[in-house]
Amino acid sequence: MATPPAFLNTGLTSDVQVIQGGTTTEGIHCGVMAGTIEILFKGFAGINLFTDHLEFSPSLPAHWQELGFSLQHRG
């Protein structure tokens, strides 16, 4: 996986910790949060959404033992 977990952690905590110089309160970092979730789903969990089915091809970093979440597809 090309995205190091350190960058993932920075993205996930960027709105919790003020690391952008005070712009967190405006809530303009939703794209960062959505991007980190997409990295988890598409990159690490390997989820591909198709019209009629889902495919999973997980690729976890070596030091991760598991990744868990709930998923509902098409009702």
PDB file of N, CA and C in Angstrom:
ATOM      1  N   MET A   1       0.847  -1.167   0.000  1.00  0.00           N
ATOM      2  CA  MET A   1       0.000   0.000   0.000  1.00  0.00           C
ATOM      3  C   MET A   1       0.892   1.230   0.000  1.00  0.00           C
ATOM      4  N   ALA A   2       0.621   2.177  -0.876  1.00  0.00           N
ATOM      5  CA  ALA A   2       1.477   3.341  -1.048  1.00  0.00           C
ATOM      6  C   ALA A   2       1.292   4.401   0.038  1.00  0.00           C
ATOM      7  N   THR A   3       0.158   4.425   0.707  1.00  0.00           N
ATOM      8  CA  THR A   3      -0.094   5.448   1.712  1.00  0.00           C
ATOM      9  C   THR A   3       0.371   4.982   3.080  1.00  0.00           C
ATOM     10  N   PRO A   4       1.419   5.594   3.630  1.00  0.00           N
ATOM     11  CA  PRO A   4       1.893   5.195   4.961  1.00  0.00           C
ATOM     12  C   PRO A   4       0.857   5.499   6.031  1.00  0.00           C
ATOM     13  N   PRO A   5       0.691   4.618   7.006  1.00  0.00           N
ATOM     14  CA  PRO A   5      -0.257   4.862   8.093  1.00  0.00           C
ATOM     15  C   PRO A   5      -0.028   6.176   8.824  1.00  0.00           C
ATOM     16  N   ALA A   6       1.184   6.704   8.855  1.00  0.00           N
ATOM     17  CA  ALA A   6       1.433   7.985   9.523  1.00  0.00           C
ATOM     18  C   ALA A   6       0.635   9.102   8.856  1.00  0.00           C
ATOM     19  N   PHE A   7       0.549   9.108   7.526  1.00  0.00           N
ATOM     20  CA  PHE A   7      -0.246  10.113   6.828  1.00  0.00           C
ATOM     21  C   PHE A   7      -1.729   9.918   7.103  1.00  0.00           C
ATOM     22  N   LEU A   8      -2.155   8.674   7.242  1.00  0.00           N
ATOM     23  CA  LEU A   8      -3.540   8.374   7.563  1.00  0.00           C
ATOM     24  C   LEU A   8      -3.892   8.956   8.926  1.00  0.00           C
ATOM     25  N   ASN A   9      -3.049   8.742   9.910  1.00  0.00           N
ATOM     26  CA  ASN A   9      -3.288   9.283  11.254  1.00  0.00           C
ATOM     27  C   ASN A   9      -3.323  10.806  11.239  1.00  0.00           C
ATOM     28  N   THR A  10      -2.447  11.434  10.485  1.00  0.00           N
ATOM     29  CA  THR A  10      -2.446  12.896  10.388  1.00  0.00           C
ATOM     30  C   THR A  10      -3.760  13.391   9.808  1.00  0.00           C
ATOM     31  N   GLY A  11      -4.240  12.731   8.774  1.00  0.00           N
ATOM     32  CA  GLY A  11      -5.513  13.116   8.172  1.00  0.00           C
ATOM     33  C   GLY A  11      -6.679  12.930   9.113  1.00  0.00           C
ATOM     34  N   LEU A  12      -6.697  11.817   9.826  1.00  0.00           N
ATOM     35  CA  LEU A  12      -7.801  11.536  10.737  1.00  0.00           C
ATOM     36  C   LEU A  12      -7.843  12.494  11.921  1.00  0.00           C
ATOM     37  N   THR A  13      -6.702  12.946  12.369  1.00  0.00           N
ATOM     38  CA  THR A  13      -6.663  13.822  13.546  1.00  0.00           C
ATOM     39  C   THR A  13      -6.575  15.301  13.187  1.00  0.00           C
ATOM     40  N   SER A  14      -6.531  15.636  11.901  1.00  0.00           N
ATOM     41  CA  SER A  14      -6.327  17.041  11.513  1.00  0.00           C
ATOM     42  C   SER A  14      -7.451  17.961  11.970  1.00  0.00           C
ATOM     43  N   ASP A  15      -8.665  17.467  12.081  1.00  0.00           N
ATOM     44  CA  ASP A  15      -9.752  18.315  12.551  1.00  0.00           C
ATOM     45  C   ASP A  15      -9.921  18.267  14.062  1.00  0.00           C
ATOM     46  N   VAL A  16      -9.323  17.305  14.707  1.00  0.00           N
ATOM     47  CA  VAL A  16      -9.401  17.200  16.160  1.00  0.00           C
ATOM     48  C   VAL A  16      -8.307  18.057  16.791  1.00  0.00           C
ATOM     49  N   GLN A  17      -7.134  17.996  16.212  1.00  0.00           N
ATOM     50  CA  GLN A  17      -6.012  18.794  16.686  1.00  0.00           C
ATOM     51  C   GLN A  17      -5.862  19.980  15.736  1.00  0.00           C
ATOM     52  N   VAL A  18      -5.549  21.126  16.255  1.00  0.00           N
ATOM     53  CA  VAL A  18      -5.393  22.306  15.405  1.00  0.00           C
ATOM     54  C   VAL A  18      -3.984  22.291  14.824  1.00  0.00           C
ATOM     55  N   ILE A  19      -3.852  21.682  13.629  1.00  0.00           N
ATOM     56  CA  ILE A  19      -2.536  21.617  12.993  1.00  0.00           C
ATOM     57  C   ILE A  19      -2.466  22.479  11.736  1.00  0.00           C
ATOM     58  N   GLN A  20      -3.588  23.124  11.348  1.00  0.00           N
ATOM     59  CA  GLN A  20      -3.602  23.927  10.132  1.00  0.00           C
ATOM     60  C   GLN A  20      -3.447  25.422  10.419  1.00  0.00           C
ATOM     61  N   GLY A  21      -3.134  25.774  11.618  1.00  0.00           N
ATOM     62  CA  GLY A  21      -2.955  27.186  11.943  1.00  0.00           C
ATOM     63  C   GLY A  21      -4.246  27.917  12.276  1.00  0.00           C
ATOM     64  N   GLY A  22      -5.224  27.206  12.814  1.00  0.00           N
ATOM     65  CA  GLY A  22      -6.418  27.866  13.296  1.00  0.00           C
ATOM     66  C   GLY A  22      -7.632  27.817  12.388  1.00  0.00           C
ATOM     67  N   THR A  23      -7.622  27.042  11.321  1.00  0.00           N
ATOM     68  CA  THR A  23      -8.775  26.993  10.411  1.00  0.00           C
ATOM     69  C   THR A  23      -9.731  25.847  10.714  1.00  0.00           C
ATOM     70  N   THR A  24      -9.430  25.040  11.705  1.00  0.00           N
ATOM     71  CA  THR A  24     -10.267  23.878  12.014  1.00  0.00           C
ATOM     72  C   THR A  24     -11.683  24.270  12.394  1.00  0.00           C
ATOM     73  N   THR A  25     -11.849  25.357  13.113  1.00  0.00           N
ATOM     74  CA  THR A  25     -13.184  25.753  13.576  1.00  0.00           C
ATOM     75  C   THR A  25     -14.126  26.079  12.425  1.00  0.00           C
ATOM     76  N   GLU A  26     -13.610  26.429  11.248  1.00  0.00           N
ATOM     77  CA  GLU A  26     -14.471  26.710  10.101  1.00  0.00           C
ATOM     78  C   GLU A  26     -15.016  25.428   9.462  1.00  0.00           C
ATOM     79  N   GLY A  27     -14.470  24.279   9.814  1.00  0.00           N
ATOM     80  CA  GLY A  27     -14.955  23.011   9.282  1.00  0.00           C
ATOM     81  C   GLY A  27     -14.630  22.788   7.824  1.00  0.00           C
ATOM     82  N   ILE A  28     -13.547  23.353   7.339  1.00  0.00           N
ATOM     83  CA  ILE A  28     -13.222  23.238   5.916  1.00  0.00           C
ATOM     84  C   ILE A  28     -12.403  21.992   5.592  1.00  0.00           C
ATOM     85  N   HIS A  29     -12.208  21.137   6.545  1.00  0.00           N
ATOM     86  CA  HIS A  29     -11.350  19.979   6.339  1.00  0.00           C
ATOM     87  C   HIS A  29     -12.136  18.676   6.157  1.00  0.00           C
ATOM     88  N   CYS A  30     -13.403  18.782   5.777  1.00  0.00           N
ATOM     89  CA  CYS A  30     -14.229  17.590   5.563  1.00  0.00           C
ATOM     90  C   CYS A  30     -13.655  16.711   4.456  1.00  0.00           C
ATOM     91  N   GLY A  31     -13.047  17.335   3.462  1.00  0.00           N
ATOM     92  CA  GLY A  31     -12.424  16.567   2.380  1.00  0.00           C
ATOM     93  C   GLY A  31     -11.302  15.682   2.880  1.00  0.00           C
ATOM     94  N   VAL A  32     -10.532  16.174   3.831  1.00  0.00           N
ATOM     95  CA  VAL A  32      -9.459  15.375   4.420  1.00  0.00           C
ATOM     96  C   VAL A  32     -10.043  14.165   5.137  1.00  0.00           C
ATOM     97  N   MET A  33     -11.100  14.384   5.900  1.00  0.00           N
ATOM     98  CA  MET A  33     -11.721  13.279   6.628  1.00  0.00           C
ATOM     99  C   MET A  33     -12.306  12.250   5.665  1.00  0.00           C
ATOM    100  N   ALA A  34     -12.990  12.723   4.626  1.00  0.00           N
ATOM    101  CA  ALA A  34     -13.565  11.804   3.635  1.00  0.00           C
ATOM    102  C   ALA A  34     -12.462  11.038   2.915  1.00  0.00           C
ATOM    103  N   GLY A  35     -11.376  11.715   2.611  1.00  0.00           N
ATOM    104  CA  GLY A  35     -10.255  11.052   1.940  1.00  0.00           C
ATOM    105  C   GLY A  35      -9.626   9.965   2.787  1.00  0.00           C
ATOM    106  N   THR A  36      -9.502  10.206   4.089  1.00  0.00           N
ATOM    107  CA  THR A  36      -8.909   9.179   4.950  1.00  0.00           C
ATOM    108  C   THR A  36      -9.837   7.974   5.080  1.00  0.00           C
ATOM    109  N   ILE A  37     -11.135   8.218   5.105  1.00  0.00           N
ATOM    110  CA  ILE A  37     -12.079   7.095   5.146  1.00  0.00           C
ATOM    111  C   ILE A  37     -12.006   6.319   3.837  1.00  0.00           C
ATOM    112  N   GLU A  38     -11.855   7.018   2.722  1.00  0.00           N
ATOM    113  CA  GLU A  38     -11.726   6.339   1.430  1.00  0.00           C
ATOM    114  C   GLU A  38     -10.455   5.492   1.380  1.00  0.00           C
ATOM    115  N   ILE A  39      -9.374   5.984   1.983  1.00  0.00           N
ATOM    116  CA  ILE A  39      -8.142   5.188   2.060  1.00  0.00           C
ATOM    117  C   ILE A  39      -8.399   3.899   2.828  1.00  0.00           C
ATOM    118  N   LEU A  40      -9.124   4.003   3.940  1.00  0.00           N
ATOM    119  CA  LEU A  40      -9.442   2.802   4.723  1.00  0.00           C
ATOM    120  C   LEU A  40     -10.264   1.808   3.911  1.00  0.00           C
ATOM    121  N   PHE A  41     -11.331   2.297   3.272  1.00  0.00           N
ATOM    122  CA  PHE A  41     -12.231   1.408   2.537  1.00  0.00           C
ATOM    123  C   PHE A  41     -11.601   0.849   1.268  1.00  0.00           C
ATOM    124  N   LYS A  42     -11.105   1.730   0.406  1.00  0.00           N
ATOM    125  CA  LYS A  42     -10.596   1.280  -0.887  1.00  0.00           C
ATOM    126  C   LYS A  42      -9.172   0.746  -0.811  1.00  0.00           C
ATOM    127  N   GLY A  43      -8.343   1.401  -0.019  1.00  0.00           N
ATOM    128  CA  GLY A  43      -6.946   0.993   0.048  1.00  0.00           C
ATOM    129  C   GLY A  43      -6.696  -0.181   0.971  1.00  0.00           C
ATOM    130  N   PHE A  44      -6.995  -0.006   2.250  1.00  0.00           N
ATOM    131  CA  PHE A  44      -6.673  -1.045   3.223  1.00  0.00           C
ATOM    132  C   PHE A  44      -7.684  -2.189   3.230  1.00  0.00           C
ATOM    133  N   ALA A  45      -8.981  -1.887   3.190  1.00  0.00           N
ATOM    134  CA  ALA A  45      -9.993  -2.960   3.171  1.00  0.00           C
ATOM    135  C   ALA A  45     -10.167  -3.522   1.759  1.00  0.00           C
ATOM    136  N   GLY A  46      -9.783  -2.767   0.747  1.00  0.00           N
ATOM    137  CA  GLY A  46      -9.873  -3.229  -0.627  1.00  0.00           C
ATOM    138  C   GLY A  46     -11.298  -3.380  -1.129  1.00  0.00           C
ATOM    139  N   ILE A  47     -12.196  -2.498  -0.685  1.00  0.00           N
ATOM    140  CA  ILE A  47     -13.600  -2.590  -1.082  1.00  0.00           C
ATOM    141  C   ILE A  47     -13.789  -1.911  -2.440  1.00  0.00           C
ATOM    142  N   ASN A  48     -14.369  -2.651  -3.368  1.00  0.00           N
ATOM    143  CA  ASN A  48     -14.781  -2.106  -4.657  1.00  0.00           C
ATOM    144  C   ASN A  48     -16.283  -2.256  -4.752  1.00  0.00           C
ATOM    145  N   LEU A  49     -16.971  -1.144  -4.974  1.00  0.00           N
ATOM    146  CA  LEU A  49     -18.426  -1.151  -5.089  1.00  0.00           C
ATOM    147  C   LEU A  49     -18.818  -1.216  -6.554  1.00  0.00           C
ATOM    148  N   PHE A  50     -19.587  -2.222  -6.900  1.00  0.00           N
ATOM    149  CA  PHE A  50     -20.101  -2.370  -8.246  1.00  0.00           C
ATOM    150  C   PHE A  50     -21.619  -2.323  -8.196  1.00  0.00           C
ATOM    151  N   THR A  51     -22.263  -2.207  -9.317  1.00  0.00           N
ATOM    152  CA  THR A  51     -23.714  -2.108  -9.360  1.00  0.00           C
ATOM    153  C   THR A  51     -24.392  -3.304  -8.725  1.00  0.00           C
ATOM    154  N   ASP A  52     -23.882  -4.489  -8.986  1.00  0.00           N
ATOM    155  CA  ASP A  52     -24.570  -5.693  -8.526  1.00  0.00           C
ATOM    156  C   ASP A  52     -23.845  -6.462  -7.428  1.00  0.00           C
ATOM    157  N   HIS A  53     -22.642  -6.061  -7.051  1.00  0.00           N
ATOM    158  CA  HIS A  53     -21.919  -6.812  -6.019  1.00  0.00           C
ATOM    159  C   HIS A  53     -20.774  -5.980  -5.426  1.00  0.00           C
ATOM    160  N   LEU A  54     -20.232  -6.510  -4.346  1.00  0.00           N
ATOM    161  CA  LEU A  54     -19.055  -5.928  -3.697  1.00  0.00           C
ATOM    162  C   LEU A  54     -17.876  -6.872  -3.892  1.00  0.00           C
ATOM    163  N   GLU A  55     -16.682  -6.309  -3.951  1.00  0.00           N
ATOM    164  CA  GLU A  55     -15.471  -7.120  -3.946  1.00  0.00           C
ATOM    165  C   GLU A  55     -14.558  -6.609  -2.841  1.00  0.00           C
ATOM    166  N   PHE A  56     -13.887  -7.534  -2.172  1.00  0.00           N
ATOM    167  CA  PHE A  56     -12.949  -7.201  -1.105  1.00  0.00           C
ATOM    168  C   PHE A  56     -11.582  -7.770  -1.449  1.00  0.00           C
ATOM    169  N   SER A  57     -10.568  -6.951  -1.311  1.00  0.00           N
ATOM    170  CA  SER A  57      -9.191  -7.386  -1.514  1.00  0.00           C
ATOM    171  C   SER A  57      -8.318  -6.633  -0.515  1.00  0.00           C
ATOM    172  N   PRO A  58      -8.371  -7.052   0.770  1.00  0.00           N
ATOM    173  CA  PRO A  58      -7.667  -6.300   1.807  1.00  0.00           C
ATOM    174  C   PRO A  58      -6.148  -6.296   1.635  1.00  0.00           C
ATOM    175  N   SER A  59      -5.557  -5.181   2.030  1.00  0.00           N
ATOM    176  CA  SER A  59      -4.108  -5.022   2.002  1.00  0.00           C
ATOM    177  C   SER A  59      -3.717  -4.163   3.203  1.00  0.00           C
ATOM    178  N   LEU A  60      -3.636  -4.784   4.361  1.00  0.00           N
ATOM    179  CA  LEU A  60      -3.328  -4.062   5.597  1.00  0.00           C
ATOM    180  C   LEU A  60      -1.831  -3.860   5.754  1.00  0.00           C
ATOM    181  N   PRO A  61      -1.434  -2.753   6.387  1.00  0.00           N
ATOM    182  CA  PRO A  61      -0.018  -2.590   6.733  1.00  0.00           C
ATOM    183  C   PRO A  61       0.440  -3.756   7.606  1.00  0.00           C
ATOM    184  N   ALA A  62       1.690  -4.115   7.514  1.00  0.00           N
ATOM    185  CA  ALA A  62       2.226  -5.309   8.181  1.00  0.00           C
ATOM    186  C   ALA A  62       1.955  -5.327   9.687  1.00  0.00           C
ATOM    187  N   HIS A  63       2.000  -4.170  10.342  1.00  0.00           N
ATOM    188  CA  HIS A  63       1.833  -4.140  11.796  1.00  0.00           C
ATOM    189  C   HIS A  63       0.374  -4.092  12.236  1.00  0.00           C
ATOM    190  N   TRP A  64      -0.592  -4.042  11.300  1.00  0.00           N
ATOM    191  CA  TRP A  64      -2.013  -4.087  11.642  1.00  0.00           C
ATOM    192  C   TRP A  64      -2.462  -5.540  11.651  1.00  0.00           C
ATOM    193  N   GLN A  65      -3.182  -5.931  12.684  1.00  0.00           N
ATOM    194  CA  GLN A  65      -3.683  -7.300  12.748  1.00  0.00           C
ATOM    195  C   GLN A  65      -5.103  -7.409  12.225  1.00  0.00           C
ATOM    196  N   GLU A  66      -5.851  -6.329  12.268  1.00  0.00           N
ATOM    197  CA  GLU A  66      -7.229  -6.372  11.771  1.00  0.00           C
ATOM    198  C   GLU A  66      -7.741  -4.971  11.501  1.00  0.00           C
ATOM    199  N   LEU A  67      -8.820  -4.909  10.734  1.00  0.00           N
ATOM    200  CA  LEU A  67      -9.544  -3.685  10.454  1.00  0.00           C
ATOM    201  C   LEU A  67     -11.010  -4.073  10.465  1.00  0.00           C
ATOM    202  N   GLY A  68     -11.812  -3.398  11.271  1.00  0.00           N
ATOM    203  CA  GLY A  68     -13.217  -3.772  11.372  1.00  0.00           C
ATOM    204  C   GLY A  68     -14.136  -2.578  11.228  1.00  0.00           C
ATOM    205  N   PHE A  69     -15.280  -2.801  10.618  1.00  0.00           N
ATOM    206  CA  PHE A  69     -16.310  -1.787  10.467  1.00  0.00           C
ATOM    207  C   PHE A  69     -17.585  -2.475  10.007  1.00  0.00           C
ATOM    208  N   SER A  70     -18.696  -1.759  10.101  1.00  0.00           N
ATOM    209  CA  SER A  70     -19.975  -2.261   9.603  1.00  0.00           C
ATOM    210  C   SER A  70     -20.221  -1.703   8.216  1.00  0.00           C
ATOM    211  N   LEU A  71     -20.867  -2.488   7.384  1.00  0.00           N
ATOM    212  CA  LEU A  71     -21.146  -2.075   6.025  1.00  0.00           C
ATOM    213  C   LEU A  71     -22.524  -2.576   5.600  1.00  0.00           C
ATOM    214  N   GLN A  72     -23.295  -1.683   5.050  1.00  0.00           N
ATOM    215  CA  GLN A  72     -24.592  -2.074   4.496  1.00  0.00           C
ATOM    216  C   GLN A  72     -24.596  -1.686   3.031  1.00  0.00           C
ATOM    217  N   HIS A  73     -24.922  -2.632   2.162  1.00  0.00           N
ATOM    218  CA  HIS A  73     -24.911  -2.382   0.723  1.00  0.00           C
ATOM    219  C   HIS A  73     -26.267  -2.689   0.133  1.00  0.00           C
ATOM    220  N   ARG A  74     -26.855  -1.712  -0.514  1.00  0.00           N
ATOM    221  CA  ARG A  74     -28.145  -1.869  -1.198  1.00  0.00           C
ATOM    222  C   ARG A  74     -29.245  -2.353  -0.268  1.00  0.00           C
ATOM    223  N   GLY A  75     -29.332  -1.746   0.886  1.00  0.00           N
ATOM    224  CA  GLY A  75     -30.408  -2.032   1.839  1.00  0.00           C
ATOM    225  C   GLY A  75     -30.117  -3.190   2.695  1.00  0.00           C
TER     226      GLY A  75
END
